[in-house]
Structures are given as structure tokens and as C-alpha cells.
PDB file of N, CA and C in Angstrom:
ATOM      1  N   UNK A   1     104.554  77.238  76.417  1.00  0.00           N
ATOM      2  CA  UNK A   1     104.125  76.555  75.187  1.00  0.00           C
ATOM      3  C   UNK A   1     104.841  77.215  74.021  1.00  0.00           C
ATOM      4  N   UNK A   2     105.479  76.330  73.177  1.00  0.00           N
ATOM      5  CA  UNK A   2     106.211  76.876  72.048  1.00  0.00           C
ATOM      6  C   UNK A   2     105.226  77.139  70.857  1.00  0.00           C
ATOM      7  N   UNK A   3     105.755  77.796  69.874  1.00  0.00           N
ATOM      8  CA  UNK A   3     104.930  78.183  68.715  1.00  0.00           C
ATOM      9  C   UNK A   3     104.324  77.023  67.973  1.00  0.00           C
ATOM     10  N   UNK A   4     105.102  75.949  67.778  1.00  0.00           N
ATOM     11  CA  UNK A   4     104.643  74.760  67.072  1.00  0.00           C
ATOM     12  C   UNK A   4     103.409  74.148  67.837  1.00  0.00           C
ATOM     13  N   UNK A   5     103.519  74.066  69.138  1.00  0.00           N
ATOM     14  CA  UNK A   5     102.466  73.485  69.945  1.00  0.00           C
ATOM     15  C   UNK A   5     101.224  74.389  69.888  1.00  0.00           C
ATOM     16  N   UNK A   6     101.466  75.661  69.935  1.00  0.00           N
ATOM     17  CA  UNK A   6     100.330  76.629  69.905  1.00  0.00           C
ATOM     18  C   UNK A   6      99.600  76.541  68.572  1.00  0.00           C
ATOM     19  N   UNK A   7     100.405  76.471  67.472  1.00  0.00           N
ATOM     20  CA  UNK A   7      99.814  76.354  66.122  1.00  0.00           C
ATOM     21  C   UNK A   7      99.045  75.083  66.003  1.00  0.00           C
ATOM     22  N   UNK A   8      99.577  73.992  66.567  1.00  0.00           N
ATOM     23  CA  UNK A   8      98.842  72.709  66.498  1.00  0.00           C
ATOM     24  C   UNK A   8      97.526  72.782  67.239  1.00  0.00           C
ATOM     25  N   UNK A   9      97.556  73.370  68.368  1.00  0.00           N
ATOM     26  CA  UNK A   9      96.292  73.477  69.165  1.00  0.00           C
ATOM     27  C   UNK A   9      95.295  74.365  68.498  1.00  0.00           C
ATOM     28  N   UNK A  10      95.771  75.474  67.902  1.00  0.00           N
ATOM     29  CA  UNK A  10      94.870  76.385  67.170  1.00  0.00           C
ATOM     30  C   UNK A  10      94.265  75.649  65.967  1.00  0.00           C
ATOM     31  N   UNK A  11      95.021  74.838  65.305  1.00  0.00           N
ATOM     32  CA  UNK A  11      94.514  74.109  64.168  1.00  0.00           C
ATOM     33  C   UNK A  11      93.452  73.075  64.584  1.00  0.00           C
ATOM     34  N   UNK A  12      93.624  72.514  65.798  1.00  0.00           N
ATOM     35  CA  UNK A  12      92.619  71.612  66.303  1.00  0.00           C
ATOM     36  C   UNK A  12      91.312  72.300  66.542  1.00  0.00           C
ATOM     37  N   UNK A  13      91.410  73.510  67.152  1.00  0.00           N
ATOM     38  CA  UNK A  13      90.189  74.270  67.397  1.00  0.00           C
ATOM     39  C   UNK A  13      89.533  74.670  66.123  1.00  0.00           C
ATOM     40  N   UNK A  14      90.311  75.153  65.155  1.00  0.00           N
ATOM     41  CA  UNK A  14      89.729  75.532  63.828  1.00  0.00           C
ATOM     42  C   UNK A  14      89.099  74.310  63.109  1.00  0.00           C
ATOM     43  N   UNK A  15      89.637  73.173  63.319  1.00  0.00           N
ATOM     44  CA  UNK A  15      89.109  71.972  62.612  1.00  0.00           C
ATOM     45  C   UNK A  15      87.696  71.607  63.139  1.00  0.00           C
ATOM     46  N   UNK A  16      87.304  72.157  64.270  1.00  0.00           N
ATOM     47  CA  UNK A  16      86.016  71.898  64.836  1.00  0.00           C
ATOM     48  C   UNK A  16      84.969  72.883  64.300  1.00  0.00           C
ATOM     49  N   UNK A  17      85.384  73.836  63.559  1.00  0.00           N
ATOM     50  CA  UNK A  17      84.469  74.843  63.020  1.00  0.00           C
ATOM     51  C   UNK A  17      83.921  74.401  61.648  1.00  0.00           C
ATOM     52  N   UNK A  18      82.670  74.664  61.420  1.00  0.00           N
ATOM     53  CA  UNK A  18      82.135  74.456  60.081  1.00  0.00           C
ATOM     54  C   UNK A  18      82.643  75.526  59.189  1.00  0.00           C
ATOM     55  N   UNK A  19      82.460  75.363  57.911  1.00  0.00           N
ATOM     56  CA  UNK A  19      82.886  76.369  56.962  1.00  0.00           C
ATOM     57  C   UNK A  19      82.157  77.709  57.186  1.00  0.00           C
ATOM     58  N   UNK A  20      80.886  77.575  57.573  1.00  0.00           N
ATOM     59  CA  UNK A  20      80.040  78.751  57.870  1.00  0.00           C
ATOM     60  C   UNK A  20      80.514  79.477  59.103  1.00  0.00           C
ATOM     61  N   UNK A  21      80.825  78.720  60.178  1.00  0.00           N
ATOM     62  CA  UNK A  21      81.306  79.324  61.399  1.00  0.00           C
ATOM     63  C   UNK A  21      82.621  80.055  61.193  1.00  0.00           C
ATOM     64  N   UNK A  22      83.541  79.351  60.491  1.00  0.00           N
ATOM     65  CA  UNK A  22      84.833  79.940  60.196  1.00  0.00           C
ATOM     66  C   UNK A  22      84.685  81.216  59.385  1.00  0.00           C
ATOM     67  N   UNK A  23      83.780  81.171  58.405  1.00  0.00           N
ATOM     68  CA  UNK A  23      83.536  82.361  57.574  1.00  0.00           C
ATOM     69  C   UNK A  23      83.042  83.512  58.389  1.00  0.00           C
ATOM     70  N   UNK A  24      82.092  83.286  59.278  1.00  0.00           N
ATOM     71  CA  UNK A  24      81.575  84.342  60.151  1.00  0.00           C
ATOM     72  C   UNK A  24      82.652  84.938  61.007  1.00  0.00           C
ATOM     73  N   UNK A  25      83.483  84.066  61.600  1.00  0.00           N
ATOM     74  CA  UNK A  25      84.547  84.589  62.493  1.00  0.00           C
ATOM     75  C   UNK A  25      85.633  85.309  61.722  1.00  0.00           C
ATOM     76  N   UNK A  26      85.972  84.821  60.512  1.00  0.00           N
ATOM     77  CA  UNK A  26      86.958  85.534  59.692  1.00  0.00           C
ATOM     78  C   UNK A  26      86.472  86.891  59.308  1.00  0.00           C
ATOM     79  N   UNK A  27      85.202  86.952  58.929  1.00  0.00           N
ATOM     80  CA  UNK A  27      84.636  88.274  58.546  1.00  0.00           C
ATOM     81  C   UNK A  27      84.737  89.248  59.710  1.00  0.00           C
ATOM     82  N   UNK A  28      84.461  88.734  60.930  1.00  0.00           N
ATOM     83  CA  UNK A  28      84.427  89.609  62.121  1.00  0.00           C
ATOM     84  C   UNK A  28      85.846  89.987  62.508  1.00  0.00           C
ATOM     85  N   UNK A  29      86.701  88.979  62.780  1.00  0.00           N
ATOM     86  CA  UNK A  29      88.038  89.243  63.292  1.00  0.00           C
ATOM     87  C   UNK A  29      89.048  89.696  62.274  1.00  0.00           C
ATOM     88  N   UNK A  30      89.053  89.079  61.118  1.00  0.00           N
ATOM     89  CA  UNK A  30      90.120  89.394  60.112  1.00  0.00           C
ATOM     90  C   UNK A  30      89.697  90.618  59.264  1.00  0.00           C
ATOM     91  N   UNK A  31      88.402  90.701  58.901  1.00  0.00           N
ATOM     92  CA  UNK A  31      87.985  91.770  58.015  1.00  0.00           C
ATOM     93  C   UNK A  31      87.335  92.939  58.741  1.00  0.00           C
ATOM     94  N   UNK A  32      87.010  92.793  59.990  1.00  0.00           N
ATOM     95  CA  UNK A  32      86.462  93.874  60.791  1.00  0.00           C
ATOM     96  C   UNK A  32      85.020  94.261  60.470  1.00  0.00           C
ATOM     97  N   UNK A  33      84.260  93.302  59.895  1.00  0.00           N
ATOM     98  CA  UNK A  33      82.893  93.616  59.564  1.00  0.00           C
ATOM     99  C   UNK A  33      82.026  93.662  60.801  1.00  0.00           C
ATOM    100  N   UNK A  34      80.961  94.425  60.751  1.00  0.00           N
ATOM    101  CA  UNK A  34      80.034  94.531  61.866  1.00  0.00           C
ATOM    102  C   UNK A  34      79.202  93.253  61.957  1.00  0.00           C
ATOM    103  N   UNK A  35      78.937  92.844  63.231  1.00  0.00           N
ATOM    104  CA  UNK A  35      78.094  91.602  63.424  1.00  0.00           C
ATOM    105  C   UNK A  35      76.777  91.691  62.730  1.00  0.00           C
ATOM    106  N   UNK A  36      76.114  92.860  62.785  1.00  0.00           N
ATOM    107  CA  UNK A  36      74.776  92.976  62.094  1.00  0.00           C
ATOM    108  C   UNK A  36      74.868  92.656  60.629  1.00  0.00           C
ATOM    109  N   UNK A  37      75.893  93.155  59.997  1.00  0.00           N
ATOM    110  CA  UNK A  37      76.063  92.911  58.539  1.00  0.00           C
ATOM    111  C   UNK A  37      76.313  91.395  58.276  1.00  0.00           C
ATOM    112  N   UNK A  38      77.216  90.800  59.106  1.00  0.00           N
ATOM    113  CA  UNK A  38      77.534  89.393  58.951  1.00  0.00           C
ATOM    114  C   UNK A  38      76.287  88.555  59.088  1.00  0.00           C
ATOM    115  N   UNK A  39      75.507  88.883  60.167  1.00  0.00           N
ATOM    116  CA  UNK A  39      74.265  88.122  60.408  1.00  0.00           C
ATOM    117  C   UNK A  39      73.288  88.248  59.286  1.00  0.00           C
ATOM    118  N   UNK A  40      73.103  89.475  58.804  1.00  0.00           N
ATOM    119  CA  UNK A  40      72.184  89.706  57.694  1.00  0.00           C
ATOM    120  C   UNK A  40      72.589  88.966  56.452  1.00  0.00           C
ATOM    121  N   UNK A  41      73.862  89.050  56.062  1.00  0.00           N
ATOM    122  CA  UNK A  41      74.318  88.450  54.852  1.00  0.00           C
ATOM    123  C   UNK A  41      74.391  86.908  54.911  1.00  0.00           C
ATOM    124  N   UNK A  42      74.669  86.443  56.141  1.00  0.00           N
ATOM    125  CA  UNK A  42      74.824  84.969  56.301  1.00  0.00           C
ATOM    126  C   UNK A  42      73.557  84.320  56.831  1.00  0.00           C
ATOM    127  N   UNK A  43      72.548  85.114  57.063  1.00  0.00           N
ATOM    128  CA  UNK A  43      71.238  84.651  57.581  1.00  0.00           C
ATOM    129  C   UNK A  43      71.437  83.965  58.919  1.00  0.00           C
ATOM    130  N   UNK A  44      72.077  84.694  59.824  1.00  0.00           N
ATOM    131  CA  UNK A  44      72.302  84.193  61.218  1.00  0.00           C
ATOM    132  C   UNK A  44      71.496  85.089  62.142  1.00  0.00           C
ATOM    133  N   UNK A  45      71.097  84.545  63.273  1.00  0.00           N
ATOM    134  CA  UNK A  45      70.571  85.395  64.305  1.00  0.00           C
ATOM    135  C   UNK A  45      71.759  85.909  65.092  1.00  0.00           C
ATOM    136  N   UNK A  46      71.603  87.002  65.776  1.00  0.00           N
ATOM    137  CA  UNK A  46      72.629  87.574  66.640  1.00  0.00           C
ATOM    138  C   UNK A  46      73.043  86.532  67.718  1.00  0.00           C
ATOM    139  N   UNK A  47      72.033  85.750  68.202  1.00  0.00           N
ATOM    140  CA  UNK A  47      72.337  84.795  69.223  1.00  0.00           C
ATOM    141  C   UNK A  47      73.277  83.686  68.657  1.00  0.00           C
ATOM    142  N   UNK A  48      73.040  83.240  67.432  1.00  0.00           N
ATOM    143  CA  UNK A  48      73.911  82.267  66.812  1.00  0.00           C
ATOM    144  C   UNK A  48      75.320  82.814  66.676  1.00  0.00           C
ATOM    145  N   UNK A  49      75.448  84.022  66.195  1.00  0.00           N
ATOM    146  CA  UNK A  49      76.749  84.615  65.991  1.00  0.00           C
ATOM    147  C   UNK A  49      77.472  84.752  67.336  1.00  0.00           C
ATOM    148  N   UNK A  50      76.766  85.243  68.365  1.00  0.00           N
ATOM    149  CA  UNK A  50      77.374  85.396  69.679  1.00  0.00           C
ATOM    150  C   UNK A  50      77.781  84.070  70.264  1.00  0.00           C
ATOM    151  N   UNK A  51      77.009  83.014  70.047  1.00  0.00           N
ATOM    152  CA  UNK A  51      77.381  81.712  70.574  1.00  0.00           C
ATOM    153  C   UNK A  51      78.641  81.171  69.958  1.00  0.00           C
ATOM    154  N   UNK A  52      78.768  81.321  68.603  1.00  0.00           N
ATOM    155  CA  UNK A  52      79.974  80.872  67.914  1.00  0.00           C
ATOM    156  C   UNK A  52      81.184  81.675  68.390  1.00  0.00           C
ATOM    157  N   UNK A  53      81.027  82.968  68.516  1.00  0.00           N
ATOM    158  CA  UNK A  53      82.144  83.843  68.947  1.00  0.00           C
ATOM    159  C   UNK A  53      82.541  83.503  70.396  1.00  0.00           C
ATOM    160  N   UNK A  54      81.547  83.312  71.275  1.00  0.00           N
ATOM    161  CA  UNK A  54      81.913  82.983  72.676  1.00  0.00           C
ATOM    162  C   UNK A  54      82.626  81.603  72.784  1.00  0.00           C
ATOM    163  N   UNK A  55      82.112  80.630  72.042  1.00  0.00           N
ATOM    164  CA  UNK A  55      82.744  79.352  72.015  1.00  0.00           C
ATOM    165  C   UNK A  55      84.182  79.392  71.525  1.00  0.00           C
ATOM    166  N   UNK A  56      84.372  80.103  70.423  1.00  0.00           N
ATOM    167  CA  UNK A  56      85.682  80.253  69.860  1.00  0.00           C
ATOM    168  C   UNK A  56      86.639  80.911  70.826  1.00  0.00           C
ATOM    169  N   UNK A  57      86.206  81.956  71.466  1.00  0.00           N
ATOM    170  CA  UNK A  57      87.027  82.684  72.410  1.00  0.00           C
ATOM    171  C   UNK A  57      87.340  81.811  73.662  1.00  0.00           C
ATOM    172  N   UNK A  58      86.399  80.990  74.044  1.00  0.00           N
ATOM    173  CA  UNK A  58      86.657  80.085  75.199  1.00  0.00           C
ATOM    174  C   UNK A  58      87.763  79.055  74.819  1.00  0.00           C
ATOM    175  N   UNK A  59      87.695  78.560  73.577  1.00  0.00           N
ATOM    176  CA  UNK A  59      88.706  77.630  73.193  1.00  0.00           C
ATOM    177  C   UNK A  59      90.077  78.315  73.076  1.00  0.00           C
ATOM    178  N   UNK A  60      90.112  79.551  72.619  1.00  0.00           N
ATOM    179  CA  UNK A  60      91.356  80.258  72.549  1.00  0.00           C
ATOM    180  C   UNK A  60      91.945  80.460  73.965  1.00  0.00           C
ATOM    181  N   UNK A  61      91.088  80.767  74.925  1.00  0.00           N
ATOM    182  CA  UNK A  61      91.575  80.920  76.294  1.00  0.00           C
ATOM    183  C   UNK A  61      92.222  79.616  76.814  1.00  0.00           C
ATOM    184  N   UNK A  62      91.624  78.530  76.451  1.00  0.00           N
ATOM    185  CA  UNK A  62      92.153  77.209  76.842  1.00  0.00           C
ATOM    186  C   UNK A  62      93.564  77.012  76.191  1.00  0.00           C
ATOM    187  N   UNK A  63      93.717  77.506  74.981  1.00  0.00           N
ATOM    188  CA  UNK A  63      95.032  77.380  74.328  1.00  0.00           C
ATOM    189  C   UNK A  63      96.097  78.172  75.072  1.00  0.00           C
ATOM    190  N   UNK A  64      95.765  79.255  75.666  1.00  0.00           N
ATOM    191  CA  UNK A  64      96.693  80.073  76.398  1.00  0.00           C
ATOM    192  C   UNK A  64      96.983  79.516  77.781  1.00  0.00           C
ATOM    193  N   UNK A  65      96.145  78.660  78.262  1.00  0.00           N
ATOM    194  CA  UNK A  65      96.339  78.073  79.645  1.00  0.00           C
ATOM    195  C   UNK A  65      96.447  76.544  79.494  1.00  0.00           C
ATOM    196  N   UNK A  66      97.710  76.027  79.372  1.00  0.00           N
ATOM    197  CA  UNK A  66      97.908  74.620  79.129  1.00  0.00           C
ATOM    198  C   UNK A  66      97.282  73.705  80.202  1.00  0.00           C
ATOM    199  N   UNK A  67      97.105  74.200  81.366  1.00  0.00           N
ATOM    200  CA  UNK A  67      96.532  73.339  82.457  1.00  0.00           C
ATOM    201  C   UNK A  67      95.091  73.032  82.178  1.00  0.00           C
ATOM    202  N   UNK A  68      94.450  73.861  81.328  1.00  0.00           N
ATOM    203  CA  UNK A  68      93.056  73.633  80.999  1.00  0.00           C
ATOM    204  C   UNK A  68      92.900  72.973  79.626  1.00  0.00           C
ATOM    205  N   UNK A  69      93.986  72.712  78.933  1.00  0.00           N
ATOM    206  CA  UNK A  69      93.928  72.099  77.605  1.00  0.00           C
ATOM    207  C   UNK A  69      93.235  70.733  77.681  1.00  0.00           C
ATOM    208  N   UNK A  70      93.409  70.009  78.761  1.00  0.00           N
ATOM    209  CA  UNK A  70      92.795  68.683  78.894  1.00  0.00           C
ATOM    210  C   UNK A  70      91.261  68.850  79.011  1.00  0.00           C
ATOM    211  N   UNK A  71      90.752  69.976  79.331  1.00  0.00           N
ATOM    212  CA  UNK A  71      89.352  70.229  79.471  1.00  0.00           C
ATOM    213  C   UNK A  71      88.620  70.260  78.055  1.00  0.00           C
ATOM    214  N   UNK A  72      89.453  70.481  77.013  1.00  0.00           N
ATOM    215  CA  UNK A  72      88.829  70.618  75.703  1.00  0.00           C
ATOM    216  C   UNK A  72      88.525  69.247  75.120  1.00  0.00           C
ATOM    217  N   UNK A  73      87.245  68.909  74.876  1.00  0.00           N
ATOM    218  CA  UNK A  73      86.901  67.622  74.341  1.00  0.00           C
ATOM    219  C   UNK A  73      87.467  67.427  72.952  1.00  0.00           C
ATOM    220  N   UNK A  74      87.520  66.167  72.541  1.00  0.00           N
ATOM    221  CA  UNK A  74      88.100  65.839  71.242  1.00  0.00           C
ATOM    222  C   UNK A  74      87.325  66.468  70.115  1.00  0.00           C
ATOM    223  N   UNK A  75      86.011  66.502  70.227  1.00  0.00           N
ATOM    224  CA  UNK A  75      85.136  67.080  69.184  1.00  0.00           C
ATOM    225  C   UNK A  75      84.130  68.011  69.914  1.00  0.00           C
ATOM    226  N   UNK A  76      84.226  69.294  69.631  1.00  0.00           N
ATOM    227  CA  UNK A  76      83.407  70.265  70.284  1.00  0.00           C
ATOM    228  C   UNK A  76      82.313  70.737  69.309  1.00  0.00           C
ATOM    229  N   UNK A  77      81.049  70.522  69.590  1.00  0.00           N
ATOM    230  CA  UNK A  77      79.982  70.989  68.714  1.00  0.00           C
ATOM    231  C   UNK A  77      79.833  72.520  68.817  1.00  0.00           C
ATOM    232  N   UNK A  78      79.767  73.182  67.703  1.00  0.00           N
ATOM    233  CA  UNK A  78      79.457  74.557  67.594  1.00  0.00           C
ATOM    234  C   UNK A  78      77.979  74.686  67.167  1.00  0.00           C
ATOM    235  N   UNK A  79      77.436  75.820  67.122  1.00  0.00           N
ATOM    236  CA  UNK A  79      75.989  75.952  67.016  1.00  0.00           C
ATOM    237  C   UNK A  79      75.518  75.901  65.576  1.00  0.00           C
ATOM    238  N   UNK A  80      76.363  75.984  64.521  1.00  0.00           N
ATOM    239  CA  UNK A  80      75.844  76.041  63.193  1.00  0.00           C
ATOM    240  C   UNK A  80      76.266  74.867  62.339  1.00  0.00           C
ATOM    241  N   UNK A  81      76.716  73.759  62.997  1.00  0.00           N
ATOM    242  CA  UNK A  81      77.137  72.599  62.202  1.00  0.00           C
ATOM    243  C   UNK A  81      76.088  71.996  61.357  1.00  0.00           C
TER     244      UNK A  81
END
């Protein structure tokens, strides 16, 4: 998979995230904040945070494995929409 295709697929996955979900993930992955702090400040339960993180990671695994790309539905509901 070339970089353009990978970027396109990543943009598709990101487009399925609400602003709140994307914010929580950016704070965790890009800023390195602790999940407990994110949950407290964003008024999330740890279960909600874990669900979003697991879903996002599953989609990223599909991006790395083109044979499973077809398994990704056109619109994937996340837990905080």
C-alpha cells in the first residue's frame, strides 16, 4: 500500500470520529495525557474511553492489512456520537 492510499484510508477512519472522540484520542496519543485525566476533564467513563480507543485501533489494524479493508463498513458508529 502506498502512502497516498494509506493517507486516504486513515482520513476515512478519522472522518467517522466525532469531534469529542477525536479530541480524546489526540489527547491520549499525541499529547500523552493519562486516560484518567482525559475521562475526568471530558466527562467520560473509562469504558467509553476504552471502547473508542479499541475501535480506533481495530480500524488502524485494518489499514495495515489491505485484505481486511473490505471488512470496514462505510460508516462505523463509535460510542460517543
